[in-house]
C-alpha atoms as a PDB file:
ATOM      1  CA  UNK A   1     106.663  93.327-144.682  1.00  0.00           C
ATOM      2  CA  UNK A   2     103.588  94.258-146.858  1.00  0.00           C
ATOM      3  CA  UNK A   3     100.406  93.174-146.315  1.00  0.00           C
ATOM      4  CA  UNK A   4      97.208  93.985-148.361  1.00  0.00           C
ATOM      5  CA  UNK A   5      93.603  93.143-147.680  1.00  0.00           C
ATOM      6  CA  UNK A   6      90.420  93.604-149.646  1.00  0.00           C
ATOM      7  CA  UNK A   7      87.522  93.633-147.917  1.00  0.00           C
ATOM      8  CA  UNK A   8      84.537  92.490-150.089  1.00  0.00           C
ATOM      9  CA  UNK A   9      81.229  90.770-149.877  1.00  0.00           C
ATOM     10  CA  UNK A  10      80.615  87.327-151.940  1.00  0.00           C
ATOM     11  CA  UNK A  11      81.034  89.061-155.187  1.00  0.00           C
ATOM     12  CA  UNK A  12      79.388  92.048-154.852  1.00  0.00           C
ATOM     13  CA  UNK A  13      81.593  94.554-153.110  1.00  0.00           C
ATOM     14  CA  UNK A  14      82.066  95.423-149.474  1.00  0.00           C
ATOM     15  CA  UNK A  15      79.424  94.944-146.615  1.00  0.00           C
ATOM     16  CA  UNK A  16      79.003  96.722-143.346  1.00  0.00           C
ATOM     17  CA  UNK A  17      80.278  93.585-141.659  1.00  0.00           C
ATOM     18  CA  UNK A  18      83.208  92.742-143.995  1.00  0.00           C
ATOM     19  CA  UNK A  19      84.134  96.445-143.181  1.00  0.00           C
ATOM     20  CA  UNK A  20      83.886  96.178-139.481  1.00  0.00           C
ATOM     21  CA  UNK A  21      85.786  92.823-139.398  1.00  0.00           C
ATOM     22  CA  UNK A  22      88.362  94.039-141.902  1.00  0.00           C
ATOM     23  CA  UNK A  23      89.397  97.331-140.258  1.00  0.00           C
ATOM     24  CA  UNK A  24      89.211  95.669-136.692  1.00  0.00           C
ATOM     25  CA  UNK A  25      91.759  92.768-138.053  1.00  0.00           C
ATOM     26  CA  UNK A  26      94.008  95.416-139.723  1.00  0.00           C
ATOM     27  CA  UNK A  27      94.255  97.445-136.817  1.00  0.00           C
ATOM     28  CA  UNK A  28      95.320  94.570-134.369  1.00  0.00           C
ATOM     29  CA  UNK A  29      98.100  93.823-136.758  1.00  0.00           C
ATOM     30  CA  UNK A  30      99.630  97.528-136.830  1.00  0.00           C
ATOM     31  CA  UNK A  31     102.957  97.626-135.030  1.00  0.00           C
ATOM     32  CA  UNK A  32     105.662 100.403-134.402  1.00  0.00           C
ATOM     33  CA  UNK A  33     106.924 101.910-137.598  1.00  0.00           C
ATOM     34  CA  UNK A  34     104.126 100.264-139.757  1.00  0.00           C
ATOM     35  CA  UNK A  35     102.139 102.426-142.129  1.00  0.00           C
ATOM     36  CA  UNK A  36      98.490 101.550-142.622  1.00  0.00           C
ATOM     37  CA  UNK A  37      96.311 102.763-145.279  1.00  0.00           C
ATOM     38  CA  UNK A  38      92.674 102.731-145.060  1.00  0.00           C
ATOM     39  CA  UNK A  39      90.580 103.501-148.216  1.00  0.00           C
ATOM     40  CA  UNK A  40      86.975 103.930-148.703  1.00  0.00           C
ATOM     41  CA  UNK A  41      85.828 104.666-152.363  1.00  0.00           C
ATOM     42  CA  UNK A  42      81.672 104.541-152.713  1.00  0.00           C
ATOM     43  CA  UNK A  43      79.046 106.616-151.186  1.00  0.00           C
ATOM     44  CA  UNK A  44      78.600 108.295-147.749  1.00  0.00           C
ATOM     45  CA  UNK A  45      75.720 109.999-146.189  1.00  0.00           C
ATOM     46  CA  UNK A  46      74.969 112.142-143.419  1.00  0.00           C
ATOM     47  CA  UNK A  47      71.878 111.345-141.111  1.00  0.00           C
ATOM     48  CA  UNK A  48      71.047 113.038-138.058  1.00  0.00           C
ATOM     49  CA  UNK A  49      74.259 114.821-137.873  1.00  0.00           C
ATOM     50  CA  UNK A  50      76.225 111.426-138.191  1.00  0.00           C
ATOM     51  CA  UNK A  51      78.328 110.744-141.187  1.00  0.00           C
ATOM     52  CA  UNK A  52      78.203 107.041-142.687  1.00  0.00           C
ATOM     53  CA  UNK A  53      80.262 105.170-145.143  1.00  0.00           C
ATOM     54  CA  UNK A  54      77.586 103.154-147.392  1.00  0.00           C
ATOM     55  CA  UNK A  55      78.636  99.595-148.052  1.00  0.00           C
ATOM     56  CA  UNK A  56      76.933  97.149-150.308  1.00  0.00           C
ATOM     57  CA  UNK A  57      73.177  96.793-148.720  1.00  0.00           C
ATOM     58  CA  UNK A  58      73.011 100.251-147.117  1.00  0.00           C
ATOM     59  CA  UNK A  59      69.462 101.275-146.288  1.00  0.00           C
ATOM     60  CA  UNK A  60      68.320 104.978-145.607  1.00  0.00           C
ATOM     61  CA  UNK A  61      65.864 103.619-143.205  1.00  0.00           C
ATOM     62  CA  UNK A  62      68.444 101.898-140.967  1.00  0.00           C
ATOM     63  CA  UNK A  63      71.801 103.434-141.254  1.00  0.00           C
ATOM     64  CA  UNK A  64      72.931 101.830-137.897  1.00  0.00           C
ATOM     65  CA  UNK A  65      72.123  98.516-138.985  1.00  0.00           C
ATOM     66  CA  UNK A  66      73.538  98.752-142.470  1.00  0.00           C
ATOM     67  CA  UNK A  67      76.022 101.291-142.705  1.00  0.00           C
ATOM     68  CA  UNK A  68      79.292 102.020-141.296  1.00  0.00           C
ATOM     69  CA  UNK A  69      79.430 105.257-138.860  1.00  0.00           C
ATOM     70  CA  UNK A  70      82.508 107.342-139.327  1.00  0.00           C
ATOM     71  CA  UNK A  71      82.755 107.852-135.476  1.00  0.00           C
ATOM     72  CA  UNK A  72      82.929 104.126-135.339  1.00  0.00           C
ATOM     73  CA  UNK A  73      86.133 104.233-137.581  1.00  0.00           C
ATOM     74  CA  UNK A  74      87.752 107.011-135.761  1.00  0.00           C
ATOM     75  CA  UNK A  75      87.140 105.104-132.515  1.00  0.00           C
ATOM     76  CA  UNK A  76      88.666 101.750-133.778  1.00  0.00           C
ATOM     77  CA  UNK A  77      91.772 103.882-134.824  1.00  0.00           C
ATOM     78  CA  UNK A  78      92.033 105.154-131.283  1.00  0.00           C
ATOM     79  CA  UNK A  79      92.112 101.836-129.843  1.00  0.00           C
ATOM     80  CA  UNK A  80      94.752 101.073-132.152  1.00  0.00           C
ATOM     81  CA  UNK A  81      97.547  98.651-130.567  1.00  0.00           C
ATOM     82  CA  UNK A  82     100.489 100.048-132.156  1.00  0.00           C
ATOM     83  CA  UNK A  83     102.959 100.790-129.127  1.00  0.00           C
ATOM     84  CA  UNK A  84     103.681 104.588-130.398  1.00  0.00           C
ATOM     85  CA  UNK A  85     100.216 105.273-131.470  1.00  0.00           C
ATOM     86  CA  UNK A  86      98.762 108.652-130.196  1.00  0.00           C
ATOM     87  CA  UNK A  87      95.661 110.206-130.940  1.00  0.00           C
ATOM     88  CA  UNK A  88      96.812 113.722-130.816  1.00  0.00           C
ATOM     89  CA  UNK A  89      97.067 114.491-134.690  1.00  0.00           C
ATOM     90  CA  UNK A  90     100.353 112.884-135.086  1.00  0.00           C
ATOM     91  CA  UNK A  91      99.108 108.925-134.620  1.00  0.00           C
ATOM     92  CA  UNK A  92      97.278 109.365-137.984  1.00  0.00           C
ATOM     93  CA  UNK A  93      95.735 111.476-140.870  1.00  0.00           C
ATOM     94  CA  UNK A  94      92.583 111.545-142.237  1.00  0.00           C
ATOM     95  CA  UNK A  95      91.963 112.770-145.724  1.00  0.00           C
ATOM     96  CA  UNK A  96      88.305 113.147-147.141  1.00  0.00           C
ATOM     97  CA  UNK A  97      88.435 113.313-150.863  1.00  0.00           C
ATOM     98  CA  UNK A  98      84.538 114.184-152.038  1.00  0.00           C
ATOM     99  CA  UNK A  99      83.757 114.804-155.463  1.00  0.00           C
END
């Protein structure tokens, strides 16, 4: 079975809330043998040693309230309910492409 989801705000692109809800939902659906590809195309920023994805509405003066911390994304992936999921380097791969 193949499922695709696109997380957008109301016509203006992905929001913090949309990204967080979409990632949680996708990770809840992952089962043994599934392949989940999570992609974010946009801006990112590092503030006080924390890396953030910058969705629509991101504000530098309020990163915790308006951006998605990359550590949060990794934590959600660690908690994935796939029966054979492991966070030891074999459970998922992270590829960062910066341009």
